[in-house]
Amino acid sequence: MKPSSAHTEHWERTRRLTFITLGIWFFFSFFIHWFGAEMNNLSFMGFPLGFYMAAQGSPVAFVILLFWSTRKQEAIDEECGVAE
């Protein structure tokens, strides 16, 4: 059985969103922390930037990423006709 055009489009858009979400997650999980010492030369709200990103910035980014990716996936589902 050959998948329909709508099914193929839904899968392609979902896969693209997944890769974008994983890329942003990787950036805030690893990249920011790898360069924390270098970022400590800058300050944000009186704290070294590396410390701030580890303590507050990355967790806030994860919450925003969660809501953003969910809204995008719901939009993809609606447009492709597979919404609940």
Foldseek 3Di string as FASTA:
>chain_A
DDDDPLVVQLVVQLVVLVVVLVVLLCCLPPVLQVCLVVQQVDDDPRGRPSVCSVPPVSVVSVVVSVVVSVVSNQVSCVVSVNHD
